[in-house]
Amino acid sequence: MQFTVTMPKLSPTMEEGTIAKWHKKEGDKVNAGELLLEVATDKATVEYNALDEGFLRKILVPDGGHAVVNQPIALFTEKADEKVVEEKPSEVKKETAAPAPAKVAVAAAMKQPGFAPEPPLEKYAFKFPTTSGKAPASPLAKKIAKEKGLDLTTVKGTGPGGRVTSRDLDLAQPDQVVNFSKREMPTVAPGTYEELALTPMRKVIAERLQQAKSSIPHIYVRQEIDAGPLVEAYAQLKNGQVKVTFNDFIIRACALALREHPAANSGFDSTNQSIILFKTIDISVAVTVEGGLITPIIRHADYKNLGEISLEIKELAARARAGKLKPEEYKGGSFTISNMGMLGVSDFAAIINPPQAAILAIGGIEDCARVKNGAVAPGKRMNIILSADHRVLDGVDAAKFIKTIQKYLENPVLLLV
């Protein structure tokens, strides 16, 4: 008997996946529960085990191929010598959004009388500027311009018929004529472009962020941190062979601040129009991976010391980049931290990760001047910006929360106890 294996739905948001690797080849016998293939989903690369025993007779989607959920990807038979009948590929329908009002308006305009669309790109001719023609000038003006390297075409002449005279040269610009004949010219027409298909992960990121930005009323609270004590604490731990990062300090500070301000450890249920009060402090940390972003979670972060947080986030980040996170390691979370300080940016405002009610964006540590004991002295600063859901947090709540984070980061010894 012949049966078909289809692309499984391996996450709640998955609509399509990519076959990362087949672990069996055509003709192999596959036992139930045996590893069959790896699928790159919108979240991670997930191993998929066979549900039934049989012989893999035909791979319909090879390594690197894409398939939507429930699309046939392989044909199996119960016996090795059974005849395989390839099914006609059925089109898997996906919901398509109604055309945007702007597109409808454009389509209507194109049907109007007299509408003339722009000619195709290939009909444009790309011409470089040339320096043809000479400005009329007196012999003396030409001589002076040549000696001083002035461009006569950059000045308006005051002589007869617009002739440039020597007294006009005070306004002339330096001669910067480029000899295009000696420069390699581009062969691609201006405006040329190519389109890249979104990966499953990138599609979900785009949809979620667009929805979050358009539906959540963001409020932003910015705070400058005196990072001098933090840098000093980091250096002391490093000298003692204790390997932690600035991000570890920030995670610990946020965990303790969330314990003091439980309103910030909240979310919003847009379906029921209700506030979610998380009972545990589980901090999501944004990690860049190939093709997008994922947020592994430090569970019960307020119960873990700096060393435990450091070891856990290193291990989670490594497996996230390898696409080996388990669903429970990236699903959920009550608060998110996004740190781009290592890239040298001063600050940025992050988009809230629903259903959470807040996300903290971390900028880089920079040199600055500070007034200490009435005198200007060199110092360090770091900017942090809290993005909060105004349906859950008011400005006062957000301000109190970020000031508590400031207290811990400017007194890092409090994070060591």
Protein backbone atom coordinates (compact mmCIF):
# COMPACT_ATOMS: atom_id res chain seq x y z
CA MET A 1 0.00 0.00 0.00
CA GLN A 2 1.31 3.44 -0.91
CA PHE A 3 1.09 6.46 1.40
CA THR A 4 2.28 10.07 1.28
CA VAL A 5 4.29 12.10 3.80
CA THR A 6 3.44 15.81 3.80
CA MET A 7 5.22 18.88 5.15
CA PRO A 8 4.41 18.85 8.89
CA LYS A 9 3.32 21.94 10.85
CA LEU A 10 6.13 22.21 13.40
CA SER A 11 5.21 25.55 15.03
CA PRO A 12 1.96 27.46 15.56
CA THR A 13 3.01 30.19 13.10
CA MET A 14 4.54 27.91 10.46
CA GLU A 15 2.99 28.14 6.99
CA GLU A 16 5.86 26.71 4.97
CA GLY A 17 9.27 25.16 5.52
CA THR A 18 12.54 24.30 3.84
CA ILE A 19 13.95 20.77 3.73
CA ALA A 20 17.30 21.25 5.46
CA LYS A 21 18.39 17.60 5.13
CA TRP A 22 16.95 14.19 4.35
CA HIS A 23 18.40 11.57 6.69
CA LYS A 24 17.11 8.72 4.50
CA LYS A 25 17.55 8.11 0.78
CA GLU A 26 15.20 6.58 -1.75
CA GLY A 27 14.89 2.81 -1.22
CA ASP A 28 15.71 2.91 2.51
CA LYS A 29 13.48 1.25 5.04
CA VAL A 30 12.26 3.68 7.71
CA ASN A 31 11.03 2.54 11.11
CA ALA A 32 8.39 4.42 13.09
CA GLY A 33 10.06 7.00 15.35
CA GLU A 34 13.27 7.02 13.28
CA LEU A 35 14.78 10.37 12.24
CA LEU A 36 13.56 11.08 8.71
CA LEU A 37 14.51 14.68 7.89
CA GLU A 38 15.29 18.15 9.24
CA VAL A 39 13.00 21.08 8.44
CA ALA A 40 13.97 24.76 8.63
CA THR A 41 10.86 26.51 9.96
CA ASP A 42 10.10 30.12 10.80
CA LYS A 43 11.67 29.57 14.24
CA ALA A 44 14.45 27.00 14.00
CA THR A 45 15.68 23.85 12.26
CA VAL A 46 13.61 20.98 13.67
CA GLU A 47 14.19 17.24 13.42
CA TYR A 48 11.16 15.25 12.23
CA ASN A 49 10.73 11.55 12.99
CA ALA A 50 8.71 9.13 10.87
CA LEU A 51 5.24 8.37 12.19
CA ASP A 52 4.80 5.07 10.35
CA GLU A 53 7.02 2.26 9.17
CA GLY A 54 7.64 1.90 5.43
CA PHE A 55 10.02 2.21 2.51
CA LEU A 56 11.00 5.64 1.19
CA ARG A 57 10.37 5.25 -2.54
CA LYS A 58 10.29 8.80 -3.90
CA ILE A 59 11.52 12.15 -2.53
CA LEU A 60 9.29 14.86 -3.98
CA VAL A 61 11.02 17.86 -2.34
CA PRO A 62 14.83 17.55 -2.21
CA ASP A 63 17.32 19.15 0.19
CA GLY A 64 16.95 22.93 0.02
CA GLY A 65 13.46 22.70 -1.46
CA HIS A 66 10.48 24.65 -0.10
CA ALA A 67 7.01 23.31 0.66
CA VAL A 68 3.92 24.73 2.31
CA VAL A 69 2.32 22.90 5.23
CA ASN A 70 0.48 19.71 4.11
CA GLN A 71 2.19 19.67 0.70
CA PRO A 72 3.41 16.15 -0.26
CA ILE A 73 7.17 15.80 0.19
CA ALA A 74 7.74 12.03 -0.16
CA LEU A 75 6.07 8.79 -1.23
CA PHE A 76 6.25 5.61 0.88
CA THR A 77 5.12 2.03 0.41
CA GLU A 78 4.56 -0.68 2.98
CA LYS A 79 6.61 -3.20 0.97
CA ALA A 80 9.88 -2.67 -0.89
CA ASP A 81 8.68 -4.14 -4.19
CA GLU A 82 5.37 -2.32 -4.50
CA LYS A 83 4.73 -0.22 -7.57
CA VAL A 84 4.79 3.51 -6.94
CA VAL A 85 2.24 5.71 -8.62
CA GLU A 86 3.24 9.36 -8.57
CA GLU A 87 0.31 11.51 -7.62
CA LYS A 88 -0.47 14.60 -9.59
CA PRO A 89 0.83 17.51 -7.51
CA SER A 90 -2.15 19.24 -6.01
CA GLU A 91 -2.01 22.93 -5.49
CA VAL A 92 -2.09 23.84 -1.80
CA LYS A 93 -4.15 26.98 -1.50
CA LYS A 94 -3.03 29.74 0.81
CA GLU A 95 -5.14 32.63 1.97
CA THR A 96 -4.41 35.79 0.06
CA ALA A 97 -5.05 39.20 1.49
CA ALA A 98 -7.36 41.60 -0.24
CA PRO A 99 -5.54 44.18 -2.36
CA ALA A 100 -4.50 47.27 -0.44
CA PRO A 101 -6.53 50.46 -1.10
CA ALA A 102 -3.45 52.07 -2.65
CA LYS A 103 -3.12 49.23 -5.18
CA VAL A 104 -6.81 49.50 -6.04
CA ALA A 105 -6.42 53.22 -6.63
CA VAL A 106 -3.41 52.68 -8.88
CA ALA A 107 -5.21 50.01 -10.87
CA ALA A 108 -8.20 52.33 -11.33
CA ALA A 109 -5.95 55.19 -12.43
CA MET A 110 -4.32 52.99 -15.07
CA LYS A 111 -7.71 52.44 -16.69
CA GLN A 112 -8.42 56.15 -17.04
CA PRO A 113 -8.24 57.74 -20.54
CA GLY A 114 -4.95 59.41 -21.24
CA PHE A 115 -2.99 57.35 -18.69
CA ALA A 116 0.53 56.84 -20.02
CA PRO A 117 2.70 54.45 -17.99
CA GLU A 118 6.42 55.01 -17.83
CA PRO A 119 8.43 53.22 -20.52
CA PRO A 120 10.23 50.01 -19.49
CA LEU A 121 13.57 50.42 -17.82
CA GLU A 122 15.52 49.07 -20.79
CA LYS A 123 14.29 51.96 -22.97
CA TYR A 124 16.17 54.50 -20.87
CA ALA A 125 19.58 55.52 -22.15
CA PHE A 126 22.18 56.26 -19.51
CA LYS A 127 24.52 59.06 -20.58
CA PHE A 128 27.38 60.52 -18.60
CA PRO A 129 28.02 64.26 -18.50
CA THR A 130 30.53 65.62 -20.94
CA THR A 131 32.47 68.86 -20.99
CA SER A 132 31.70 70.04 -24.47
CA GLY A 133 31.91 73.69 -25.48
CA LYS A 134 33.93 76.55 -24.03
CA ALA A 135 32.85 79.70 -22.29
CA PRO A 136 33.71 82.91 -24.25
CA ALA A 137 36.61 84.58 -22.47
CA SER A 138 39.27 87.17 -23.09
CA PRO A 139 42.83 85.97 -23.83
CA LEU A 140 44.01 87.34 -20.48
CA ALA A 141 41.22 85.56 -18.61
CA LYS A 142 42.08 82.28 -20.37
CA LYS A 143 45.76 82.65 -19.45
CA ILE A 144 45.03 83.38 -15.77
CA ALA A 145 42.48 80.57 -15.57
CA LYS A 146 44.99 78.09 -16.98
CA GLU A 147 47.73 79.19 -14.56
CA LYS A 148 45.42 79.05 -11.52
CA GLY A 149 43.46 75.97 -12.60
CA LEU A 150 40.09 77.72 -12.75
CA ASP A 151 36.99 76.54 -14.61
CA LEU A 152 35.72 79.36 -16.86
CA THR A 153 32.30 77.72 -17.22
CA THR A 154 31.55 78.25 -13.51
CA VAL A 155 31.45 82.03 -13.72
CA LYS A 156 29.15 84.44 -15.57
CA GLY A 157 31.04 86.89 -17.77
CA THR A 158 30.47 90.64 -17.48
CA GLY A 159 32.18 91.55 -20.73
CA PRO A 160 30.56 92.18 -24.11
CA GLY A 161 28.25 89.31 -25.10
CA GLY A 162 28.78 87.62 -21.72
CA ARG A 163 32.51 87.32 -22.24
CA VAL A 164 34.53 86.30 -19.16
CA THR A 165 37.16 88.89 -18.27
CA SER A 166 40.01 88.77 -15.80
CA ARG A 167 38.00 90.66 -13.19
CA ASP A 168 35.34 87.89 -13.24
CA LEU A 169 37.81 85.19 -12.18
CA ASP A 170 37.47 86.03 -8.48
CA LEU A 171 34.19 84.05 -8.53
CA ALA A 172 35.45 81.14 -10.65
CA GLN A 173 35.60 77.63 -9.14
CA PRO A 174 38.59 75.27 -9.41
CA ASP A 175 38.70 73.17 -12.55
CA GLN A 176 37.49 69.69 -11.53
CA VAL A 177 36.71 68.24 -14.93
CA VAL A 178 36.62 64.44 -14.81
CA ASN A 179 37.99 62.59 -17.80
CA PHE A 180 35.28 59.92 -18.21
CA SER A 181 37.17 58.26 -21.05
CA LYS A 182 39.77 56.98 -18.55
CA ARG A 183 37.26 55.68 -16.01
CA GLU A 184 35.52 52.31 -16.12
CA MET A 185 31.84 52.86 -16.83
CA PRO A 186 29.06 50.82 -15.18
CA THR A 187 27.28 48.39 -17.49
CA VAL A 188 24.10 48.06 -15.42
CA ALA A 189 21.29 50.50 -16.18
CA PRO A 190 20.25 52.82 -13.32
CA GLY A 191 17.28 51.55 -11.36
CA THR A 192 18.14 47.90 -11.96
CA TYR A 193 17.19 45.63 -9.05
CA GLU A 194 16.46 42.06 -8.06
CA GLU A 195 13.95 40.61 -5.62
CA LEU A 196 14.80 38.06 -2.93
CA ALA A 197 12.14 35.71 -1.59
CA LEU A 198 11.59 35.89 2.16
CA THR A 199 12.63 32.89 4.22
CA PRO A 200 9.90 31.35 6.43
CA MET A 201 11.51 32.99 9.48
CA ARG A 202 11.75 36.41 7.79
CA LYS A 203 8.10 36.24 6.71
CA VAL A 204 6.88 35.64 10.25
CA ILE A 205 9.15 38.38 11.62
CA ALA A 206 7.80 40.83 9.05
CA GLU A 207 4.18 39.94 9.77
CA ARG A 208 4.56 40.06 13.56
CA LEU A 209 6.48 43.33 13.64
CA GLN A 210 4.11 45.03 11.21
CA GLN A 211 1.15 43.92 13.29
CA ALA A 212 2.84 44.95 16.54
CA LYS A 213 3.87 48.39 15.30
CA SER A 214 0.46 49.15 13.79
CA SER A 215 -1.74 47.80 16.60
CA ILE A 216 0.21 48.48 19.82
CA PRO A 217 0.29 52.08 21.15
CA HIS A 218 4.01 52.36 21.92
CA ILE A 219 5.31 54.74 24.56
CA TYR A 220 9.09 55.35 24.79
CA VAL A 221 11.11 56.23 27.89
CA ARG A 222 14.82 57.00 27.50
CA GLN A 223 17.43 57.01 30.26
CA GLU A 224 21.16 57.75 30.20
CA ILE A 225 23.21 55.47 32.44
CA ASP A 226 26.50 56.45 34.09
CA ALA A 227 28.34 53.35 32.87
CA GLY A 228 31.62 54.08 34.66
CA PRO A 229 30.91 51.80 37.66
CA LEU A 230 29.64 49.07 35.30
CA VAL A 231 32.83 49.17 33.22
CA GLU A 232 34.93 49.06 36.39
CA ALA A 233 33.00 46.06 37.78
CA TYR A 234 33.37 44.26 34.44
CA ALA A 235 37.13 44.91 34.43
CA GLN A 236 37.52 43.64 38.00
CA LEU A 237 35.67 40.41 37.23
CA LYS A 238 37.74 39.96 34.08
CA ASN A 239 40.96 40.38 36.08
CA GLY A 240 39.66 37.67 38.40
CA GLN A 241 39.12 35.32 35.42
CA VAL A 242 35.32 35.61 35.74
CA LYS A 243 33.94 35.75 32.21
CA VAL A 244 30.72 37.75 32.01
CA THR A 245 29.39 40.27 29.50
CA PHE A 246 27.70 43.65 29.89
CA ASN A 247 24.53 41.98 28.63
CA ASP A 248 24.64 39.60 31.60
CA PHE A 249 24.63 42.60 33.98
CA ILE A 250 21.66 44.08 32.09
CA ILE A 251 19.65 40.82 32.22
CA ARG A 252 20.25 40.56 35.95
CA ALA A 253 19.31 44.23 36.50
CA CYS A 254 16.09 43.83 34.51
CA ALA A 255 15.16 40.67 36.40
CA LEU A 256 15.48 42.41 39.77
CA ALA A 257 13.68 45.53 38.50
CA LEU A 258 10.80 43.39 37.16
CA ARG A 259 10.47 41.81 40.59
CA GLU A 260 10.06 45.30 42.09
CA HIS A 261 7.70 46.47 39.33
CA PRO A 262 5.42 43.55 38.39
CA ALA A 263 3.34 45.82 36.13
CA ALA A 264 6.25 45.80 33.68
CA ASN A 265 6.22 41.99 33.75
CA SER A 266 2.91 41.95 31.92
CA GLY A 267 1.31 41.43 28.53
CA PHE A 268 -1.84 42.22 26.61
CA ASP A 269 -4.39 39.79 25.16
CA SER A 270 -5.72 41.61 22.10
CA THR A 271 -8.40 38.96 21.52
CA ASN A 272 -10.00 39.27 24.95
CA GLN A 273 -8.88 42.88 25.51
CA SER A 274 -7.34 41.96 28.85
CA ILE A 275 -4.04 42.44 30.68
CA ILE A 276 -1.85 39.37 31.23
CA LEU A 277 -0.05 39.26 34.58
CA PHE A 278 2.90 36.87 34.24
CA LYS A 279 3.63 34.94 37.45
CA THR A 280 7.29 34.25 36.62
CA ILE A 281 10.06 36.48 35.30
CA ASP A 282 11.18 34.92 32.03
CA ILE A 283 13.40 37.24 30.00
CA SER A 284 13.62 36.84 26.22
CA VAL A 285 16.97 37.91 24.75
CA ALA A 286 17.07 38.85 21.07
CA VAL A 287 19.74 36.87 19.19
CA THR A 288 20.62 37.41 15.53
CA VAL A 289 20.60 34.19 13.50
CA GLU A 290 20.99 33.49 9.81
CA GLY A 291 17.90 34.82 8.06
CA GLY A 292 16.37 36.66 11.01
CA LEU A 293 16.02 36.97 14.76
CA ILE A 294 15.03 34.62 17.59
CA THR A 295 14.56 35.19 21.31
CA PRO A 296 15.80 32.40 23.60
CA ILE A 297 14.45 32.73 27.14
CA ILE A 298 16.14 32.87 30.56
CA ARG A 299 13.48 31.27 32.75
CA HIS A 300 13.10 32.42 36.40
CA ALA A 301 15.79 35.02 35.69
CA ASP A 302 15.32 36.74 39.07
CA TYR A 303 16.43 33.57 40.86
CA LYS A 304 19.72 33.25 38.96
CA ASN A 305 22.99 34.96 39.77
CA LEU A 306 25.25 36.70 37.28
CA GLY A 307 27.37 33.60 36.57
CA GLU A 308 24.36 31.36 36.00
CA ILE A 309 22.79 33.88 33.63
CA SER A 310 26.08 34.21 31.72
CA LEU A 311 26.48 30.45 31.20
CA GLU A 312 22.84 29.93 30.23
CA ILE A 313 22.63 32.76 27.68
CA LYS A 314 25.90 31.67 26.03
CA GLU A 315 24.60 28.12 25.64
CA LEU A 316 21.17 29.24 24.39
CA ALA A 317 22.65 31.74 21.92
CA ALA A 318 25.00 29.10 20.47
CA ARG A 319 22.15 26.63 19.91
CA ALA A 320 19.93 29.40 18.52
CA ARG A 321 22.53 30.22 15.84
CA ALA A 322 22.80 26.51 15.07
CA GLY A 323 18.99 26.27 14.75
CA LYS A 324 18.78 23.68 17.53
CA LEU A 325 16.56 25.40 20.11
CA LYS A 326 13.63 23.45 21.52
CA PRO A 327 10.20 25.14 21.22
CA GLU A 328 9.95 25.68 24.98
CA GLU A 329 13.28 27.54 24.88
CA TYR A 330 12.01 30.34 22.64
CA LYS A 331 8.22 30.31 23.06
CA GLY A 332 6.79 32.54 25.76
CA GLY A 333 8.73 35.00 27.87
CA SER A 334 7.41 37.94 29.88
CA PHE A 335 9.91 40.69 28.90
CA THR A 336 12.46 41.18 26.11
CA ILE A 337 15.94 42.72 25.91
CA SER A 338 17.48 43.78 22.59
CA ASN A 339 21.13 44.85 22.77
CA MET A 340 22.92 46.47 19.83
CA GLY A 341 25.61 48.06 21.94
CA MET A 342 28.27 45.76 20.49
CA LEU A 343 27.60 47.37 17.09
CA GLY A 344 28.48 50.82 18.39
CA VAL A 345 25.05 52.45 18.07
CA SER A 346 24.22 55.17 20.60
CA ASP A 347 20.59 54.13 21.06
CA PHE A 348 17.53 52.82 19.24
CA ALA A 349 13.85 52.16 19.92
CA ALA A 350 12.73 48.54 19.64
CA ILE A 351 9.29 47.19 18.63
CA ILE A 352 7.39 45.33 21.34
CA ASN A 353 7.29 41.54 21.07
CA PRO A 354 3.59 40.65 21.61
CA PRO A 355 1.92 39.59 23.78
CA GLN A 356 4.57 41.10 26.06
CA ALA A 357 4.01 44.69 27.21
CA ALA A 358 7.58 45.99 27.10
CA ILE A 359 11.02 45.64 25.51
CA LEU A 360 14.30 47.29 26.53
CA ALA A 361 16.74 48.51 23.85
CA ILE A 362 20.40 48.83 24.84
CA GLY A 363 22.90 51.17 23.17
CA GLY A 364 26.69 51.09 23.27
CA ILE A 365 28.96 52.35 26.04
CA GLU A 366 30.57 55.64 24.95
CA ASP A 367 33.18 58.03 26.31
CA CYS A 368 31.79 61.32 27.60
CA ALA A 369 32.53 64.26 29.86
CA ARG A 370 30.97 64.22 33.33
CA VAL A 371 30.86 66.75 36.15
CA LYS A 372 32.19 65.21 39.37
CA ASN A 373 32.71 67.26 42.52
CA GLY A 374 32.32 70.45 40.54
CA ALA A 375 34.94 69.54 37.93
CA VAL A 376 34.69 68.07 34.45
CA ALA A 377 36.17 64.57 34.24
CA PRO A 378 36.18 61.79 31.63
CA GLY A 379 33.37 59.27 32.03
CA LYS A 380 31.31 56.55 30.36
CA ARG A 381 27.64 56.58 29.37
CA MET A 382 25.11 54.11 28.02
CA ASN A 383 21.62 54.90 26.70
CA ILE A 384 18.68 52.59 27.28
CA ILE A 385 15.18 53.02 25.81
CA LEU A 386 12.09 51.24 27.11
CA SER A 387 9.27 50.64 24.62
CA ALA A 388 6.06 49.96 26.53
CA ASP A 389 2.47 49.12 25.60
CA HIS A 390 0.47 52.15 26.75
CA ARG A 391 -2.60 49.95 27.18
CA VAL A 392 -0.77 48.22 30.04
CA LEU A 393 1.83 50.68 31.33
CA ASP A 394 1.36 54.38 31.97
CA GLY A 395 4.25 56.79 31.69
CA VAL A 396 4.77 56.89 35.46
CA ASP A 397 5.01 53.07 35.68
CA ALA A 398 7.48 52.97 32.79
CA ALA A 399 9.57 55.77 34.34
CA LYS A 400 9.75 54.09 37.76
CA PHE A 401 10.78 50.81 36.16
CA ILE A 402 13.57 52.28 34.05
CA LYS A 403 14.87 54.32 37.01
CA THR A 404 15.16 51.09 39.01
CA ILE A 405 17.19 49.57 36.17
CA GLN A 406 19.40 52.68 36.30
CA LYS A 407 19.92 52.16 40.05
CA TYR A 408 21.19 48.63 39.54
CA LEU A 409 23.41 49.37 36.53
CA GLU A 410 25.03 52.40 38.22
CA ASN A 411 25.59 50.34 41.38
CA PRO A 412 26.58 46.96 39.88
CA VAL A 413 27.75 45.55 43.22
CA LEU A 414 24.01 45.11 43.96
CA LEU A 415 23.89 42.61 41.09
CA LEU A 416 26.54 40.41 42.67
CA VAL A 417 24.58 39.59 45.84
